[in-house]
Amino acid sequence: MLHGKAECARLKSAVPSPNSSMFARRTLYRAVAQPSPLGAAPSNARNMATLREIELRLKSVRNIQKITNSMKVVASTKLAKAQRAMQAGKQYGIANAEVFAHTASDKPSANRLFVVISSDKGLCGGIHSSVTKATRKALNNAEDSPLATTSSEASAPVDPDSPVMVIGDKSKAQLMRSVGDNLRLTFNQIGRDIPTFSDAAGVADLIVKSGVKYDSIVIVYNKFVSAISYEAAAMEIKGEEALKESNAFKTYENEDDVTKDLAEFSLANALFAALTESHACEQSSRRNAMDNASKNAGEMIGTLQMQYNRGRQAAITNELVDIITGASAL
């Protein structure tokens, strides 16, 4: 009899009572709903931080796209003005070329002075590196040098130590690293807007008064091919001594002062034509660069937006899973 009572008591203790079952459910709910300890990050904290970073980056890229679009519109407006100025400046270059076409020198030019034309502004593609590479090739007597195809004295090699003058701070910084010892004079703040003949005349006057000895001046500039392309070119201008030694020029019986003034005026004409053409190339290249930058920003915005949407959807799914798990435990 005692054995039967003990067995019954053991069976009753093995069966959970309603109060104990309710207590267990409350304990499990508190364990699920209990907040994280102080200093511990929630389970989706990393995902939330990533979404915040993506959101900030999206905002940054959108702002950059607005800037590049504005710069593209401004460059397009300036390009139309620069092309009109280039057409007017080319007339100076054509007249200059006709003069020197009939005054070929009887001896090759031994001393050449290189004048490199660039600008002070950036964000315009490879405009500056184009003339810089062309100048280095000319000094190294490379076969693909622009001077090799335009010079009439192909038999006269270029001295690697030839003096160099640079218009614009961008090409100056590039040439300082490679041919810094050749630099004699640099110019800046020229061509900030459309170049004028006064700018070219001022540069020509400083070149003549610099005291650098030369027989001819080689102007390295960017030649305008179309609205989307350009190429480095070289233009060679005879100096005063080369004009005096030309048999074809001697037939005019000019005085020394006239010859000197003609050489300086011809240099100013050539510089003006090269400055206007280089300015048109710069505006065209800047417009194309800003157009490409805007397209790249649009592609980046699409990629980041998709990444942000996926991360946000994953965060929402994780939160729903936590809510469902807590509800099912009740």
Protein backbone atom coordinates (compact mmCIF):
# COMPACT_ATOMS: atom_id res chain seq x y z
CA MET A 1 0.00 0.00 0.00
CA LEU A 2 2.81 2.34 0.83
CA HIS A 3 4.56 1.35 -2.34
CA GLY A 4 1.49 2.25 -4.42
CA LYS A 5 1.20 5.71 -2.78
CA ALA A 6 4.87 6.46 -3.52
CA GLU A 7 4.51 5.49 -7.16
CA CYS A 8 1.47 7.75 -7.55
CA ALA A 9 3.27 10.69 -6.00
CA ARG A 10 6.20 10.17 -8.39
CA LEU A 11 3.89 10.18 -11.42
CA LYS A 12 2.18 13.39 -10.25
CA SER A 13 5.50 15.15 -9.89
CA ALA A 14 6.53 14.11 -13.46
CA VAL A 15 3.41 15.68 -15.02
CA PRO A 16 3.83 19.51 -15.25
CA SER A 17 1.16 21.56 -13.66
CA PRO A 18 -0.59 24.44 -15.48
CA ASN A 19 1.11 27.00 -13.23
CA SER A 20 4.58 25.65 -13.96
CA SER A 21 3.93 25.60 -17.73
CA MET A 22 2.77 29.24 -17.66
CA PHE A 23 5.86 30.21 -15.64
CA ALA A 24 8.12 28.55 -18.24
CA ARG A 25 6.47 30.43 -21.10
CA ARG A 26 6.85 33.76 -19.29
CA THR A 27 10.51 33.05 -18.61
CA LEU A 28 11.16 32.23 -22.31
CA TYR A 29 9.35 35.40 -23.40
CA ARG A 30 11.44 37.52 -21.04
CA ALA A 31 14.60 35.90 -22.40
CA VAL A 32 13.59 36.74 -25.97
CA ALA A 33 12.35 40.25 -25.27
CA GLN A 34 15.15 41.20 -22.87
CA PRO A 35 17.28 44.07 -24.37
CA SER A 36 20.97 43.64 -25.03
CA PRO A 37 23.34 44.45 -22.18
CA LEU A 38 24.86 47.91 -22.04
CA GLY A 39 27.67 48.28 -24.60
CA ALA A 40 26.60 45.29 -26.72
CA ALA A 41 25.42 45.99 -30.28
CA PRO A 42 22.17 44.53 -31.58
CA SER A 43 22.31 41.61 -34.01
CA ASN A 44 21.61 43.80 -37.06
CA ALA A 45 23.85 46.72 -36.03
CA ARG A 46 26.41 45.96 -38.74
CA ASN A 47 23.74 45.89 -41.40
CA MET A 48 22.31 49.19 -40.16
CA ALA A 49 25.75 50.84 -40.27
CA THR A 50 26.31 49.60 -43.82
CA LEU A 51 22.98 51.03 -44.94
CA ARG A 52 23.88 54.37 -43.39
CA GLU A 53 27.22 54.42 -45.19
CA ILE A 54 25.57 53.56 -48.51
CA GLU A 55 22.99 56.31 -47.97
CA LEU A 56 25.70 58.90 -47.33
CA ARG A 57 27.65 57.76 -50.37
CA LEU A 58 24.53 57.98 -52.54
CA LYS A 59 23.99 61.54 -51.40
CA SER A 60 27.62 62.40 -52.15
CA VAL A 61 27.54 60.90 -55.65
CA ARG A 62 24.27 62.69 -56.46
CA ASN A 63 25.84 66.01 -55.46
CA ILE A 64 28.87 65.27 -57.64
CA GLN A 65 26.59 64.46 -60.57
CA LYS A 66 24.86 67.83 -60.18
CA ILE A 67 28.23 69.60 -60.25
CA THR A 68 29.47 67.73 -63.32
CA ASN A 69 26.22 68.39 -65.17
CA SER A 70 26.51 72.10 -64.41
CA MET A 71 30.14 72.16 -65.56
CA LYS A 72 29.15 70.36 -68.76
CA VAL A 73 26.52 73.03 -69.54
CA VAL A 74 29.00 75.84 -68.84
CA ALA A 75 31.70 74.18 -71.00
CA SER A 76 29.21 73.71 -73.85
CA THR A 77 28.40 77.42 -73.78
CA LYS A 78 32.07 78.40 -73.70
CA LEU A 79 32.89 75.97 -76.50
CA ALA A 80 30.64 77.81 -78.96
CA LYS A 81 32.41 81.10 -78.18
CA ALA A 82 35.83 79.44 -78.32
CA GLN A 83 35.13 77.97 -81.76
CA ARG A 84 34.19 81.38 -83.13
CA ALA A 85 37.39 82.87 -81.70
CA MET A 86 39.38 79.96 -83.13
CA GLN A 87 38.08 80.59 -86.64
CA ALA A 88 39.14 84.24 -86.36
CA GLY A 89 42.54 83.30 -84.92
CA LYS A 90 43.23 80.80 -87.68
CA GLN A 91 43.30 83.63 -90.20
CA TYR A 92 46.35 85.02 -88.44
CA GLY A 93 48.02 81.64 -88.62
CA ILE A 94 47.21 81.20 -92.32
CA ALA A 95 48.67 84.60 -93.22
CA ASN A 96 51.72 83.83 -91.11
CA ALA A 97 52.26 80.49 -92.85
CA GLU A 98 52.09 82.12 -96.28
CA VAL A 99 54.91 84.51 -95.36
CA PHE A 100 57.27 81.77 -94.19
CA ALA A 101 56.34 79.47 -97.06
CA HIS A 102 58.27 81.79 -99.41
CA THR A 103 61.19 82.51 -97.06
CA ALA A 104 62.75 79.12 -96.59
CA SER A 105 66.09 79.34 -94.80
CA ASP A 106 69.19 78.16 -96.65
CA LYS A 107 70.57 76.40 -93.57
CA PRO A 108 68.81 74.25 -90.98
CA SER A 109 67.86 75.79 -87.65
CA ALA A 110 70.42 74.69 -85.10
CA ASN A 111 68.98 76.46 -82.06
CA ARG A 112 65.29 75.91 -81.43
CA LEU A 113 63.21 77.41 -78.66
CA PHE A 114 60.14 75.40 -77.65
CA VAL A 115 57.00 77.21 -76.48
CA VAL A 116 54.45 74.82 -74.95
CA ILE A 117 50.84 76.05 -74.76
CA SER A 118 48.50 74.68 -72.09
CA SER A 119 46.43 76.36 -69.36
CA ASP A 120 46.11 76.77 -65.60
CA LYS A 121 42.88 74.80 -65.20
CA GLY A 122 42.28 71.08 -64.87
CA LEU A 123 39.29 68.73 -65.24
CA CYS A 124 39.73 68.69 -69.01
CA GLY A 125 40.99 65.23 -69.86
CA GLY A 126 44.44 64.74 -71.38
CA ILE A 127 44.86 68.22 -72.84
CA HIS A 128 47.95 69.06 -70.79
CA SER A 129 49.62 65.66 -70.96
CA SER A 130 49.17 65.68 -74.75
CA VAL A 131 51.45 68.68 -75.33
CA THR A 132 53.82 67.52 -72.60
CA LYS A 133 54.36 64.16 -74.28
CA ALA A 134 54.77 65.85 -77.68
CA THR A 135 57.46 68.14 -76.26
CA ARG A 136 59.38 65.24 -74.74
CA LYS A 137 59.20 63.34 -78.00
CA ALA A 138 60.49 66.36 -79.94
CA LEU A 139 63.41 66.81 -77.55
CA ASN A 140 64.26 63.12 -77.85
CA ASN A 141 64.01 63.23 -81.69
CA ALA A 142 61.35 60.53 -81.71
CA GLU A 143 59.97 59.36 -85.05
CA ASP A 144 56.36 60.06 -84.00
CA SER A 145 57.18 63.57 -82.85
CA PRO A 146 54.85 66.27 -84.25
CA LEU A 147 57.95 68.25 -85.24
CA ALA A 148 59.17 65.40 -87.45
CA THR A 149 56.14 65.75 -89.73
CA THR A 150 55.94 69.56 -89.81
CA SER A 151 59.57 70.63 -89.90
CA SER A 152 61.05 71.45 -93.28
CA GLU A 153 64.57 70.81 -92.02
CA ALA A 154 64.24 67.13 -91.24
CA SER A 155 68.01 66.76 -91.40
CA ALA A 156 68.54 69.08 -88.42
CA PRO A 157 68.16 67.10 -85.19
CA VAL A 158 66.78 68.74 -82.08
CA ASP A 159 69.19 69.40 -79.25
CA PRO A 160 67.90 67.63 -76.08
CA ASP A 161 69.04 70.69 -74.08
CA SER A 162 66.96 73.12 -76.13
CA PRO A 163 65.34 75.86 -74.04
CA VAL A 164 61.65 75.46 -73.20
CA MET A 165 59.04 78.07 -72.25
CA VAL A 166 55.62 77.06 -70.96
CA ILE A 167 52.28 78.88 -71.01
CA GLY A 168 50.12 77.40 -68.24
CA ASP A 169 50.83 75.90 -64.84
CA LYS A 170 49.58 72.39 -65.64
CA SER A 171 52.18 71.52 -68.29
CA LYS A 172 54.80 73.40 -66.29
CA ALA A 173 54.35 70.99 -63.37
CA GLN A 174 54.61 68.00 -65.71
CA LEU A 175 57.69 69.23 -67.57
CA MET A 176 59.46 70.18 -64.35
CA ARG A 177 59.78 66.48 -63.53
CA SER A 178 61.34 65.47 -66.86
CA VAL A 179 63.05 68.50 -68.44
CA GLY A 180 63.22 70.91 -65.54
CA ASP A 181 66.72 72.06 -66.49
CA ASN A 182 65.47 73.21 -69.92
CA LEU A 183 62.81 75.59 -68.60
CA ARG A 184 63.67 79.24 -69.13
CA LEU A 185 60.40 81.12 -68.70
CA THR A 186 56.85 80.27 -67.67
CA PHE A 187 53.57 82.17 -68.03
CA ASN A 188 50.27 81.87 -66.19
CA GLN A 189 46.91 83.67 -65.99
CA ILE A 190 46.84 83.68 -69.81
CA GLY A 191 43.74 82.44 -71.56
CA ARG A 192 41.52 82.28 -68.46
CA ASP A 193 38.84 83.49 -70.85
CA ILE A 194 39.04 83.61 -74.65
CA PRO A 195 42.65 84.58 -75.57
CA THR A 196 43.16 87.94 -77.23
CA PHE A 197 45.86 89.28 -79.51
CA SER A 198 47.07 91.45 -76.62
CA ASP A 199 47.85 88.28 -74.64
CA ALA A 200 49.81 86.84 -77.55
CA ALA A 201 51.66 90.13 -78.14
CA GLY A 202 52.63 90.33 -74.47
CA VAL A 203 54.03 86.79 -74.51
CA ALA A 204 55.92 87.45 -77.76
CA ASP A 205 57.45 90.61 -76.30
CA LEU A 206 58.67 88.78 -73.19
CA ILE A 207 60.13 85.97 -75.31
CA VAL A 208 62.07 88.41 -77.48
CA LYS A 209 63.37 90.30 -74.43
CA SER A 210 64.25 87.15 -72.48
CA GLY A 211 67.74 86.99 -73.97
CA VAL A 212 67.43 83.33 -75.04
CA LYS A 213 69.34 82.62 -78.27
CA TYR A 214 67.32 80.88 -80.95
CA ASP A 215 67.14 80.53 -84.72
CA SER A 216 63.51 79.41 -84.75
CA ILE A 217 60.65 78.96 -82.30
CA VAL A 218 58.64 75.75 -82.17
CA ILE A 219 55.13 76.25 -80.77
CA VAL A 220 53.66 73.00 -79.38
CA TYR A 221 49.88 73.19 -79.02
CA ASN A 222 46.69 71.15 -79.34
CA LYS A 223 45.14 71.11 -82.81
CA PHE A 224 41.35 71.12 -82.97
CA VAL A 225 40.15 68.15 -85.05
CA SER A 226 36.48 67.97 -84.06
CA ALA A 227 34.25 68.59 -81.07
CA ILE A 228 35.30 65.24 -79.58
CA SER A 229 38.93 64.90 -80.66
CA TYR A 230 42.19 66.82 -80.80
CA GLU A 231 45.86 66.08 -81.41
CA ALA A 232 49.21 67.59 -80.53
CA ALA A 233 50.79 69.69 -83.27
CA ALA A 234 53.87 71.85 -83.76
CA MET A 235 54.34 75.12 -85.61
CA GLU A 236 57.83 76.46 -86.40
CA ILE A 237 58.41 80.22 -86.67
CA LYS A 238 61.63 81.72 -88.06
CA GLY A 239 63.64 84.11 -85.95
CA GLU A 240 65.17 87.41 -86.99
CA GLU A 241 68.55 85.94 -87.97
CA ALA A 242 66.95 83.17 -90.00
CA LEU A 243 64.93 85.73 -91.95
CA LYS A 244 68.02 87.80 -92.70
CA GLU A 245 69.91 84.75 -94.00
CA SER A 246 67.10 83.68 -96.32
CA ASN A 247 67.91 84.44 -99.96
CA ALA A 248 64.22 84.69 -100.82
CA PHE A 249 63.69 87.28 -98.09
CA LYS A 250 66.74 89.32 -99.12
CA THR A 251 65.03 90.27 -102.40
CA TYR A 252 62.76 92.64 -100.47
CA GLU A 253 65.74 94.73 -99.26
CA ASN A 254 64.23 95.42 -95.86
CA GLU A 255 65.99 97.33 -93.12
CA ASP A 256 67.11 95.64 -89.89
CA ASP A 257 64.40 97.29 -87.80
CA VAL A 258 61.71 96.13 -90.20
CA THR A 259 63.01 92.57 -90.09
CA LYS A 260 63.06 92.58 -86.30
CA ASP A 261 59.51 93.94 -86.09
CA LEU A 262 58.31 91.43 -88.68
CA ALA A 263 59.81 88.52 -86.72
CA GLU A 264 58.13 89.66 -83.50
CA PHE A 265 54.80 90.33 -85.22
CA SER A 266 54.91 86.92 -86.91
CA LEU A 267 55.56 85.30 -83.53
CA ALA A 268 52.59 87.13 -82.01
CA ASN A 269 50.36 86.01 -84.91
CA ALA A 270 51.40 82.39 -84.52
CA LEU A 271 50.94 82.50 -80.73
CA PHE A 272 47.48 84.00 -81.09
CA ALA A 273 46.39 81.31 -83.55
CA ALA A 274 47.79 78.55 -81.31
CA LEU A 275 46.26 80.03 -78.13
CA THR A 276 42.76 80.27 -79.60
CA GLU A 277 42.92 76.74 -81.00
CA SER A 278 44.25 75.31 -77.74
CA HIS A 279 41.50 77.12 -75.82
CA ALA A 280 38.83 75.56 -78.06
CA CYS A 281 40.39 72.12 -77.51
CA GLU A 282 40.39 72.70 -73.75
CA GLN A 283 36.68 73.59 -73.64
CA SER A 284 35.80 70.66 -75.88
CA SER A 285 37.80 68.24 -73.75
CA ARG A 286 36.28 69.63 -70.53
CA ARG A 287 32.77 69.20 -71.86
CA ASN A 288 33.49 65.61 -72.87
CA ALA A 289 35.16 64.90 -69.52
CA MET A 290 32.21 66.26 -67.55
CA ASP A 291 29.79 64.33 -69.76
CA ASN A 292 31.65 61.09 -69.07
CA ALA A 293 31.83 61.92 -65.36
CA SER A 294 28.06 62.49 -65.24
CA LYS A 295 27.43 59.15 -66.97
CA ASN A 296 29.77 57.34 -64.58
CA ALA A 297 28.06 58.99 -61.62
CA GLY A 298 24.68 57.82 -62.94
CA GLU A 299 25.92 54.25 -63.22
CA MET A 300 27.36 54.42 -59.71
CA ILE A 301 24.08 55.78 -58.34
CA GLY A 302 22.20 52.86 -59.91
CA THR A 303 24.60 50.33 -58.40
CA LEU A 304 24.52 51.92 -54.94
CA GLN A 305 20.72 52.24 -55.02
CA MET A 306 20.34 48.54 -55.78
CA GLN A 307 22.81 47.69 -53.02
CA TYR A 308 20.94 49.93 -50.59
CA ASN A 309 17.57 48.37 -51.48
CA ARG A 310 18.93 44.85 -51.00
CA GLY A 311 20.46 45.73 -47.64
CA ARG A 312 17.28 47.43 -46.48
CA GLN A 313 15.19 44.45 -47.53
CA ALA A 314 17.54 42.11 -45.67
CA ALA A 315 17.30 44.26 -42.52
CA ILE A 316 13.49 44.25 -42.69
CA THR A 317 13.47 40.47 -43.18
CA ASN A 318 15.71 39.98 -40.14
CA GLU A 319 13.44 42.13 -38.00
CA LEU A 320 10.38 40.17 -39.15
CA VAL A 321 12.13 36.89 -38.32
CA ASP A 322 12.90 38.15 -34.78
CA ILE A 323 9.29 39.24 -34.25
CA ILE A 324 7.88 35.94 -35.52
CA THR A 325 10.34 33.95 -33.41
CA GLY A 326 9.37 35.88 -30.28
CA ALA A 327 5.66 35.52 -31.00
CA SER A 328 5.94 31.78 -31.59
CA ALA A 329 7.68 31.34 -28.24
CA LEU A 330 4.66 32.72 -26.34
